[in-house]
Amino acid sequence: MPKPIEDLTAILQAGGGFEISALDYDPTVLAGVIGQMNQSSVLRVRDAAHWTQDQLISVAQNAPPGVAEFVF
């Protein structure tokens, strides 16, 4: 079961990262919180082929450099 976005936000604010499935989260919702990620954290998105190219780029641009990883 996916974690609520509020839980993910708390994890990010504490300096953590996580791995999620693109099937469970809307990238527009994530884009609003991933800018808070620490540059040493990792956001790994499994099933990334389910998002459009524009959605992938949006997530990558909103995260600190090097933080977003996509698994297709």
Protein backbone atom coordinates (compact mmCIF):
# COMPACT_ATOMS: atom_id res chain seq x y z
CA MET A 1 0.00 0.00 0.00
CA PRO A 2 1.44 3.41 -0.96
CA LYS A 3 2.46 5.81 1.78
CA PRO A 4 0.49 9.06 2.00
CA ILE A 5 2.26 12.06 0.48
CA GLU A 6 2.42 13.61 3.97
CA ASP A 7 4.54 10.66 5.15
CA LEU A 8 6.86 11.01 2.15
CA THR A 9 7.19 14.74 2.83
CA ALA A 10 8.16 14.05 6.46
CA ILE A 11 10.78 11.53 5.31
CA LEU A 12 12.22 14.08 2.87
CA GLN A 13 12.31 16.83 5.47
CA ALA A 14 14.23 14.50 7.78
CA GLY A 15 16.87 14.04 5.07
CA GLY A 16 15.76 10.64 3.81
CA GLY A 17 15.02 9.29 0.38
CA PHE A 18 12.89 6.44 -0.91
CA GLU A 19 11.94 4.16 -3.76
CA ILE A 20 8.42 4.30 -5.15
CA SER A 21 6.43 2.83 -8.02
CA ALA A 22 5.18 5.14 -10.76
CA LEU A 23 1.99 3.10 -10.60
CA ASP A 24 1.27 4.38 -7.08
CA TYR A 25 2.03 8.11 -7.33
CA ASP A 26 1.07 10.96 -9.60
CA PRO A 27 4.21 12.83 -10.67
CA THR A 28 2.52 16.22 -10.31
CA VAL A 29 1.96 15.52 -6.61
CA LEU A 30 5.57 14.43 -6.16
CA ALA A 31 6.90 17.47 -8.00
CA GLY A 32 5.57 19.67 -5.21
CA VAL A 33 7.57 17.92 -2.49
CA ILE A 34 10.76 16.58 -4.06
CA GLY A 35 12.29 20.02 -4.21
CA GLN A 36 12.72 19.64 -0.44
CA MET A 37 15.03 16.63 -0.85
CA ASN A 38 18.55 16.71 0.47
CA GLN A 39 21.08 16.51 -2.35
CA SER A 40 22.53 13.32 -0.86
CA SER A 41 19.12 11.60 -0.84
CA VAL A 42 17.81 9.29 -3.55
CA LEU A 43 14.41 9.21 -5.21
CA ARG A 44 14.15 5.96 -7.16
CA VAL A 45 11.05 5.54 -9.32
CA ARG A 46 10.27 1.99 -10.44
CA ASP A 47 7.89 1.34 -13.35
CA ALA A 48 8.88 4.73 -14.77
CA ALA A 49 7.68 3.73 -18.25
CA HIS A 50 4.14 4.41 -17.00
CA TRP A 51 4.87 8.15 -16.83
CA THR A 52 5.17 10.31 -19.93
CA GLN A 53 8.48 11.82 -20.97
CA ASP A 54 7.24 15.25 -19.83
CA GLN A 55 6.31 13.85 -16.41
CA LEU A 56 9.73 12.23 -16.01
CA ILE A 57 11.46 15.46 -16.96
CA SER A 58 9.31 17.46 -14.55
CA VAL A 59 10.24 15.18 -11.65
CA ALA A 60 13.92 15.27 -12.61
CA GLN A 61 13.89 19.07 -12.84
CA ASN A 62 12.14 19.55 -9.50
CA ALA A 63 14.50 17.25 -7.59
CA PRO A 64 18.00 18.41 -6.66
CA PRO A 65 20.61 17.42 -9.27
CA GLY A 66 21.40 13.71 -9.30
CA VAL A 67 18.66 12.75 -6.83
CA ALA A 68 16.08 11.25 -9.22
CA GLU A 69 16.67 7.76 -10.60
CA PHE A 70 14.25 6.05 -12.94
CA VAL A 71 13.90 2.30 -13.42
CA PHE A 72 12.08 1.33 -16.59
